[in-house]
Amino acid sequence: MASIRDLKKDINYVLGDIIEAVYIVEEANGKPNSKEGAKVIDGAIATFDGLIAKVNKRDVENRQKHLKEVRSELEVKAKKLVEDLNKLN
């Protein structure tokens, strides 16, 4: 299992890249600050906050299993956010 620090970095990088991609797509389409883009960004921020809170939760029975579940949740939510991002085109 990768370290907790690596998991936190992965969460930060993945969701940060999604937010950056929203800005790039909006500028490319000539629609900066669109409502749809704001929804994706808000979703990424909410996902970040929720996942970091779960990583920092210490009172779990099996910490390693818990962190694996957080990583898989990151994958699922990031995939959903990317799908929403692709709809901005």
N, C-alpha and C. Protein backbone atom coordinates (compact mmCIF):
# COMPACT_ATOMS: atom_id res chain seq x y z
N MET A 1 0.84 -1.19 0.00
CA MET A 1 0.00 0.00 0.00
C MET A 1 0.88 1.23 0.00
N ALA A 2 0.55 2.14 -0.85
CA ALA A 2 1.29 3.40 -0.92
C ALA A 2 1.06 4.20 0.35
N SER A 3 1.91 5.15 0.58
CA SER A 3 1.80 5.94 1.80
C SER A 3 0.57 6.86 1.75
N ILE A 4 0.21 7.30 2.92
CA ILE A 4 -0.93 8.22 3.02
C ILE A 4 -0.59 9.52 2.31
N ARG A 5 0.65 9.95 2.40
CA ARG A 5 1.08 11.17 1.72
C ARG A 5 0.88 11.04 0.22
N ASP A 6 1.23 9.87 -0.34
CA ASP A 6 1.04 9.66 -1.78
C ASP A 6 -0.43 9.69 -2.16
N LEU A 7 -1.27 9.11 -1.31
CA LEU A 7 -2.71 9.12 -1.58
C LEU A 7 -3.24 10.56 -1.59
N LYS A 8 -2.81 11.35 -0.62
CA LYS A 8 -3.23 12.75 -0.57
C LYS A 8 -2.75 13.50 -1.81
N LYS A 9 -1.52 13.23 -2.24
CA LYS A 9 -1.00 13.88 -3.45
C LYS A 9 -1.82 13.46 -4.67
N ASP A 10 -2.15 12.18 -4.76
CA ASP A 10 -2.96 11.70 -5.89
C ASP A 10 -4.31 12.41 -5.93
N ILE A 11 -4.94 12.52 -4.77
CA ILE A 11 -6.23 13.21 -4.71
C ILE A 11 -6.07 14.65 -5.19
N ASN A 12 -5.05 15.32 -4.70
CA ASN A 12 -4.81 16.71 -5.07
C ASN A 12 -4.53 16.85 -6.56
N TYR A 13 -3.64 16.02 -7.09
CA TYR A 13 -3.26 16.13 -8.50
C TYR A 13 -4.43 15.80 -9.44
N VAL A 14 -5.12 14.73 -9.16
CA VAL A 14 -6.22 14.30 -10.04
C VAL A 14 -7.31 15.37 -10.09
N LEU A 15 -7.75 15.80 -8.94
CA LEU A 15 -8.84 16.78 -8.92
C LEU A 15 -8.36 18.16 -9.37
N GLY A 16 -7.12 18.50 -9.10
CA GLY A 16 -6.55 19.75 -9.59
C GLY A 16 -6.47 19.76 -11.11
N ASP A 17 -6.09 18.62 -11.69
CA ASP A 17 -6.03 18.52 -13.15
C ASP A 17 -7.41 18.67 -13.78
N ILE A 18 -8.42 18.12 -13.12
CA ILE A 18 -9.79 18.24 -13.64
C ILE A 18 -10.23 19.70 -13.61
N ILE A 19 -9.93 20.40 -12.53
CA ILE A 19 -10.29 21.81 -12.43
C ILE A 19 -9.56 22.62 -13.51
N GLU A 20 -8.29 22.34 -13.69
CA GLU A 20 -7.52 23.04 -14.72
C GLU A 20 -8.08 22.76 -16.11
N ALA A 21 -8.50 21.53 -16.34
CA ALA A 21 -9.06 21.17 -17.64
C ALA A 21 -10.36 21.92 -17.90
N VAL A 22 -11.15 22.17 -16.87
CA VAL A 22 -12.38 22.94 -17.04
C VAL A 22 -12.05 24.33 -17.56
N TYR A 23 -11.05 24.96 -16.97
CA TYR A 23 -10.67 26.30 -17.42
C TYR A 23 -10.18 26.28 -18.86
N ILE A 24 -9.42 25.26 -19.21
CA ILE A 24 -8.90 25.15 -20.57
C ILE A 24 -10.03 24.97 -21.58
N VAL A 25 -10.98 24.09 -21.27
CA VAL A 25 -12.10 23.84 -22.17
C VAL A 25 -12.96 25.08 -22.31
N GLU A 26 -13.20 25.77 -21.20
CA GLU A 26 -14.02 26.98 -21.26
C GLU A 26 -13.36 28.04 -22.13
N GLU A 27 -12.07 28.23 -21.99
CA GLU A 27 -11.37 29.22 -22.81
C GLU A 27 -11.35 28.81 -24.28
N ALA A 28 -11.15 27.53 -24.53
CA ALA A 28 -11.11 27.04 -25.91
C ALA A 28 -12.47 27.22 -26.60
N ASN A 29 -13.54 27.08 -25.83
CA ASN A 29 -14.88 27.22 -26.38
C ASN A 29 -15.38 28.66 -26.35
N GLY A 30 -14.60 29.55 -25.76
CA GLY A 30 -15.01 30.95 -25.67
C GLY A 30 -16.13 31.17 -24.68
N LYS A 31 -16.24 30.30 -23.68
CA LYS A 31 -17.30 30.42 -22.67
C LYS A 31 -16.68 30.41 -21.27
N PRO A 32 -15.88 31.41 -20.91
CA PRO A 32 -15.30 31.41 -19.56
C PRO A 32 -16.38 31.59 -18.50
N ASN A 33 -16.17 30.98 -17.36
CA ASN A 33 -17.06 31.08 -16.21
C ASN A 33 -18.48 30.60 -16.49
N SER A 34 -18.60 29.50 -17.22
CA SER A 34 -19.92 28.95 -17.51
C SER A 34 -20.49 28.26 -16.28
N LYS A 35 -21.81 28.17 -16.23
CA LYS A 35 -22.47 27.50 -15.11
C LYS A 35 -22.12 26.02 -15.07
N GLU A 36 -22.03 25.39 -16.24
CA GLU A 36 -21.71 23.97 -16.29
C GLU A 36 -20.29 23.72 -15.79
N GLY A 37 -19.37 24.60 -16.17
CA GLY A 37 -17.99 24.48 -15.70
C GLY A 37 -17.89 24.68 -14.20
N ALA A 38 -18.66 25.62 -13.70
CA ALA A 38 -18.67 25.89 -12.25
C ALA A 38 -19.18 24.67 -11.49
N LYS A 39 -20.15 23.95 -12.06
CA LYS A 39 -20.67 22.74 -11.41
C LYS A 39 -19.58 21.68 -11.30
N VAL A 40 -18.81 21.51 -12.37
CA VAL A 40 -17.73 20.52 -12.36
C VAL A 40 -16.67 20.92 -11.33
N ILE A 41 -16.33 22.20 -11.30
CA ILE A 41 -15.33 22.67 -10.34
C ILE A 41 -15.83 22.49 -8.91
N ASP A 42 -17.08 22.85 -8.66
CA ASP A 42 -17.65 22.67 -7.32
C ASP A 42 -17.66 21.20 -6.93
N GLY A 43 -17.98 20.34 -7.89
CA GLY A 43 -17.96 18.91 -7.62
C GLY A 43 -16.57 18.40 -7.28
N ALA A 44 -15.57 18.92 -7.98
CA ALA A 44 -14.18 18.52 -7.71
C ALA A 44 -13.74 18.99 -6.33
N ILE A 45 -14.12 20.19 -5.96
CA ILE A 45 -13.75 20.71 -4.65
C ILE A 45 -14.44 19.93 -3.54
N ALA A 46 -15.72 19.64 -3.73
CA ALA A 46 -16.45 18.86 -2.72
C ALA A 46 -15.87 17.45 -2.60
N THR A 47 -15.51 16.86 -3.73
CA THR A 47 -14.90 15.54 -3.71
C THR A 47 -13.57 15.58 -2.97
N PHE A 48 -12.76 16.60 -3.25
CA PHE A 48 -11.48 16.77 -2.57
C PHE A 48 -11.68 16.84 -1.06
N ASP A 49 -12.58 17.71 -0.63
CA ASP A 49 -12.82 17.88 0.81
C ASP A 49 -13.26 16.58 1.46
N GLY A 50 -14.17 15.87 0.80
CA GLY A 50 -14.68 14.62 1.35
C GLY A 50 -13.63 13.53 1.43
N LEU A 51 -12.84 13.41 0.38
CA LEU A 51 -11.82 12.35 0.36
C LEU A 51 -10.69 12.64 1.35
N ILE A 52 -10.27 13.87 1.46
CA ILE A 52 -9.21 14.21 2.43
C ILE A 52 -9.72 13.97 3.85
N ALA A 53 -10.98 14.29 4.11
CA ALA A 53 -11.54 14.02 5.44
C ALA A 53 -11.54 12.52 5.73
N LYS A 54 -11.84 11.71 4.72
CA LYS A 54 -11.83 10.26 4.92
C LYS A 54 -10.41 9.74 5.14
N VAL A 55 -9.44 10.29 4.42
CA VAL A 55 -8.05 9.86 4.61
C VAL A 55 -7.59 10.20 6.03
N ASN A 56 -7.98 11.35 6.52
CA ASN A 56 -7.55 11.79 7.85
C ASN A 56 -8.30 11.11 8.99
N LYS A 57 -9.34 10.38 8.67
CA LYS A 57 -10.13 9.69 9.69
C LYS A 57 -9.29 8.55 10.27
N ARG A 58 -9.07 8.57 11.55
CA ARG A 58 -8.18 7.59 12.18
C ARG A 58 -8.92 6.48 12.94
N ASP A 59 -10.15 6.69 13.26
CA ASP A 59 -10.87 5.72 14.07
C ASP A 59 -11.60 4.68 13.22
N VAL A 60 -10.86 4.07 12.30
CA VAL A 60 -11.44 3.02 11.46
C VAL A 60 -10.86 1.68 11.92
N GLU A 61 -11.62 0.64 11.67
CA GLU A 61 -11.21 -0.68 12.14
C GLU A 61 -9.98 -1.19 11.38
N ASN A 62 -10.05 -1.16 10.06
CA ASN A 62 -8.95 -1.65 9.23
C ASN A 62 -8.48 -0.49 8.35
N ARG A 63 -7.42 0.16 8.77
CA ARG A 63 -6.95 1.39 8.10
C ARG A 63 -6.55 1.13 6.65
N GLN A 64 -5.85 0.04 6.40
CA GLN A 64 -5.40 -0.25 5.04
C GLN A 64 -6.57 -0.47 4.10
N LYS A 65 -7.56 -1.21 4.54
CA LYS A 65 -8.76 -1.44 3.72
C LYS A 65 -9.50 -0.13 3.49
N HIS A 66 -9.58 0.68 4.53
CA HIS A 66 -10.25 1.98 4.43
C HIS A 66 -9.58 2.86 3.37
N LEU A 67 -8.25 2.90 3.37
CA LEU A 67 -7.53 3.73 2.41
C LEU A 67 -7.68 3.19 0.99
N LYS A 68 -7.76 1.89 0.83
CA LYS A 68 -8.01 1.32 -0.50
C LYS A 68 -9.38 1.72 -1.01
N GLU A 69 -10.36 1.75 -0.11
CA GLU A 69 -11.70 2.18 -0.48
C GLU A 69 -11.71 3.66 -0.89
N VAL A 70 -10.92 4.47 -0.18
CA VAL A 70 -10.82 5.89 -0.53
C VAL A 70 -10.21 6.04 -1.93
N ARG A 71 -9.18 5.26 -2.22
CA ARG A 71 -8.54 5.32 -3.54
C ARG A 71 -9.53 4.91 -4.64
N SER A 72 -10.30 3.85 -4.39
CA SER A 72 -11.27 3.43 -5.42
C SER A 72 -12.39 4.45 -5.55
N GLU A 73 -12.76 5.09 -4.46
CA GLU A 73 -13.78 6.15 -4.53
C GLU A 73 -13.25 7.33 -5.34
N LEU A 74 -11.96 7.65 -5.19
CA LEU A 74 -11.35 8.71 -6.00
C LEU A 74 -11.47 8.37 -7.48
N GLU A 75 -11.19 7.14 -7.84
CA GLU A 75 -11.26 6.73 -9.24
C GLU A 75 -12.67 6.88 -9.79
N VAL A 76 -13.65 6.45 -9.03
CA VAL A 76 -15.05 6.51 -9.48
C VAL A 76 -15.51 7.96 -9.63
N LYS A 77 -15.23 8.77 -8.62
CA LYS A 77 -15.69 10.16 -8.66
C LYS A 77 -14.94 10.96 -9.71
N ALA A 78 -13.65 10.69 -9.88
CA ALA A 78 -12.88 11.39 -10.90
C ALA A 78 -13.39 11.04 -12.29
N LYS A 79 -13.74 9.78 -12.49
CA LYS A 79 -14.28 9.35 -13.78
C LYS A 79 -15.58 10.09 -14.08
N LYS A 80 -16.43 10.23 -13.08
CA LYS A 80 -17.70 10.94 -13.24
C LYS A 80 -17.46 12.41 -13.57
N LEU A 81 -16.49 13.02 -12.88
CA LEU A 81 -16.17 14.42 -13.15
C LEU A 81 -15.61 14.61 -14.56
N VAL A 82 -14.81 13.66 -15.01
CA VAL A 82 -14.27 13.74 -16.38
C VAL A 82 -15.39 13.60 -17.40
N GLU A 83 -16.35 12.72 -17.13
CA GLU A 83 -17.50 12.60 -18.03
C GLU A 83 -18.27 13.92 -18.11
N ASP A 84 -18.45 14.57 -16.94
CA ASP A 84 -19.12 15.88 -16.93
C ASP A 84 -18.28 16.92 -17.67
N LEU A 85 -16.97 16.84 -17.53
CA LEU A 85 -16.07 17.74 -18.23
C LEU A 85 -16.18 17.56 -19.73
N ASN A 86 -16.28 16.34 -20.18
CA ASN A 86 -16.39 16.06 -21.61
C ASN A 86 -17.69 16.59 -22.21
N LYS A 87 -18.70 16.74 -21.39
CA LYS A 87 -19.98 17.29 -21.86
C LYS A 87 -19.89 18.80 -22.10
N LEU A 88 -18.84 19.44 -21.58
CA LEU A 88 -18.69 20.88 -21.77
C LEU A 88 -18.32 21.22 -23.20
N ASN A 89 -17.77 20.26 -23.92
CA ASN A 89 -17.32 20.53 -25.30
C ASN A 89 -18.42 20.90 -26.20
